[in-house]
Protein backbone atom coordinates (compact mmCIF):
# COMPACT_ATOMS: atom_id res chain seq x y z
CA MET A 1 38.18 155.33 65.75
CA LEU A 2 35.15 153.08 65.68
CA PRO A 3 33.05 152.64 68.80
CA GLY A 4 34.55 149.93 71.03
CA GLU A 5 37.82 149.87 69.09
CA SER A 6 39.88 151.48 71.86
CA GLU A 7 38.52 148.99 74.41
CA PHE A 8 39.43 146.15 72.06
CA PHE A 9 43.04 147.32 71.68
CA GLN A 10 43.32 147.97 75.41
CA ALA A 11 42.12 144.43 76.15
CA LEU A 12 44.46 143.04 73.50
CA SER A 13 47.46 144.81 74.97
CA SER A 14 46.68 143.43 78.43
CA ILE A 15 47.11 139.85 77.22
CA SER A 16 50.58 138.66 78.07
CA GLU A 17 52.38 136.91 75.28
CA THR A 18 53.59 133.73 76.93
CA PRO A 19 55.10 131.40 74.37
CA ALA A 20 53.78 127.86 74.42
CA VAL A 21 56.26 125.49 75.98
CA GLU A 22 56.73 122.40 73.88
CA GLU A 23 58.15 119.30 75.49
CA TYR A 24 58.64 115.94 73.86
CA ARG A 25 59.58 112.78 75.68
CA ALA A 26 60.86 109.32 74.85
CA TYR A 27 59.85 106.57 77.27
CA TYR A 28 61.93 103.45 77.78
CA ASP A 29 61.98 100.19 79.72
CA THR A 30 64.62 98.83 82.11
CA ASP A 31 66.69 97.49 79.18
CA GLY A 32 66.82 100.93 77.52
CA CYS A 33 64.44 99.94 74.71
CA VAL A 34 62.25 102.85 73.64
CA THR A 35 58.61 102.02 74.36
CA GLY A 36 56.98 105.20 73.08
CA PHE A 37 57.04 108.93 72.47
CA SER A 38 54.75 111.64 73.78
CA GLY A 39 54.17 115.33 73.17
CA SER A 40 51.34 115.75 75.67
CA GLY A 41 49.39 113.84 78.27
CA PHE A 42 52.56 112.51 79.84
CA PRO A 43 52.28 109.17 81.66
CA ASP A 44 53.29 109.06 85.31
CA THR A 45 56.65 107.28 85.10
CA ASP A 46 60.30 108.01 85.77
CA ASN A 47 61.69 106.25 82.70
CA TRP A 48 61.75 109.08 80.18
CA ILE A 49 64.12 111.62 78.65
CA LYS A 50 63.42 114.93 76.94
CA ILE A 51 63.93 114.83 73.16
CA SER A 52 63.84 117.33 70.31
CA ARG A 53 60.79 118.02 68.19
CA GLU A 54 62.63 116.68 65.13
CA LEU A 55 63.27 113.35 66.80
CA TYR A 56 59.66 113.23 68.00
CA VAL A 57 58.37 113.76 64.45
CA THR A 58 60.79 111.42 62.67
CA HIS A 59 61.22 108.71 65.30
CA ASP A 60 62.02 105.08 64.60
CA TRP A 61 61.68 103.13 67.83
CA SER A 62 63.30 99.95 66.58
CA CYS A 63 66.67 101.65 66.05
CA MET A 64 66.89 103.54 69.35
CA ARG A 65 68.03 102.75 72.88
CA ILE A 66 68.48 104.90 75.97
CA VAL A 67 72.01 104.56 77.35
CA ASP A 68 73.15 106.62 80.36
CA GLY A 69 70.20 108.99 79.95
CA LYS A 70 70.90 109.70 76.26
CA ILE A 71 69.17 108.40 73.18
CA CYS A 72 71.41 106.33 70.90
CA ARG A 73 70.87 104.89 67.48
CA VAL A 74 71.64 101.17 67.20
CA GLU A 75 71.76 98.83 64.25
CA PRO A 76 68.64 96.67 64.03
CA VAL A 77 69.08 93.00 64.88
CA TYR A 78 67.81 90.55 62.31
CA PHE A 79 66.98 87.10 63.59
CA HIS A 80 66.48 85.37 60.25
CA HIS A 81 69.80 84.75 58.56
CA PHE A 82 70.04 82.48 55.58
CA ALA A 83 72.34 81.84 52.67
CA LEU A 84 71.62 80.88 49.12
CA THR A 85 73.55 77.81 48.03
CA ARG A 86 73.81 76.12 44.66
CA SER A 87 71.81 72.94 44.51
CA ASN A 88 70.22 70.36 42.23
CA LYS A 89 66.80 71.39 43.49
CA GLY A 90 65.19 74.58 44.77
CA VAL A 91 64.57 77.72 42.73
CA LYS A 92 65.52 77.78 39.06
CA VAL A 93 67.51 80.92 38.16
CA VAL A 94 69.60 82.32 35.31
CA LYS A 95 73.10 80.83 35.53
CA GLY A 96 75.41 83.25 37.36
CA HIS A 97 72.51 85.46 38.50
CA ALA A 98 70.81 84.06 41.60
CA GLY A 99 68.44 87.04 41.76
CA ILE A 100 66.81 86.36 38.38
CA VAL A 101 64.21 83.63 38.75
CA VAL A 102 63.27 81.67 35.62
CA GLU A 103 59.80 80.22 35.24
CA ASP A 104 59.93 79.29 31.56
CA ASP A 105 62.47 77.34 29.54
CA TYR A 106 65.79 79.10 29.45
CA SER A 107 68.97 77.60 28.08
CA GLU A 108 71.45 78.46 30.85
CA THR A 109 70.01 77.87 34.31
CA GLU A 110 71.04 76.61 37.71
CA TYR A 111 69.27 75.96 40.99
CA TYR A 112 69.62 77.63 44.36
CA GLU A 113 68.06 76.80 47.66
CA ARG A 114 67.94 78.63 50.96
CA ARG A 115 69.99 77.35 53.87
CA ASN A 116 69.46 78.72 57.36
CA ARG A 117 72.59 79.75 59.23
């Protein structure tokens, strides 16, 4: 053995192996909307639940709500709804294909315009 080696191993064996405790939290407001996630430096608030590491890493706040102390995935709400309608003005497209916009001369075209619902 090298000088000091036995003391090194003795000191090493005296260190207790305490696994690091990981805790991840999701914070929410009074409506259940998730306001943030944290893995350390926890804010002083009561509106939180413990979540998994996987959810912490791959979170998407806009699709989550807290309901009865559990995290739930919800469908996002879109506020801008509109319909495309045939018209005599608007965007010139290939006839029968509203998704193909035509900028040049094309023999079979029609027009669509956006109508808010």
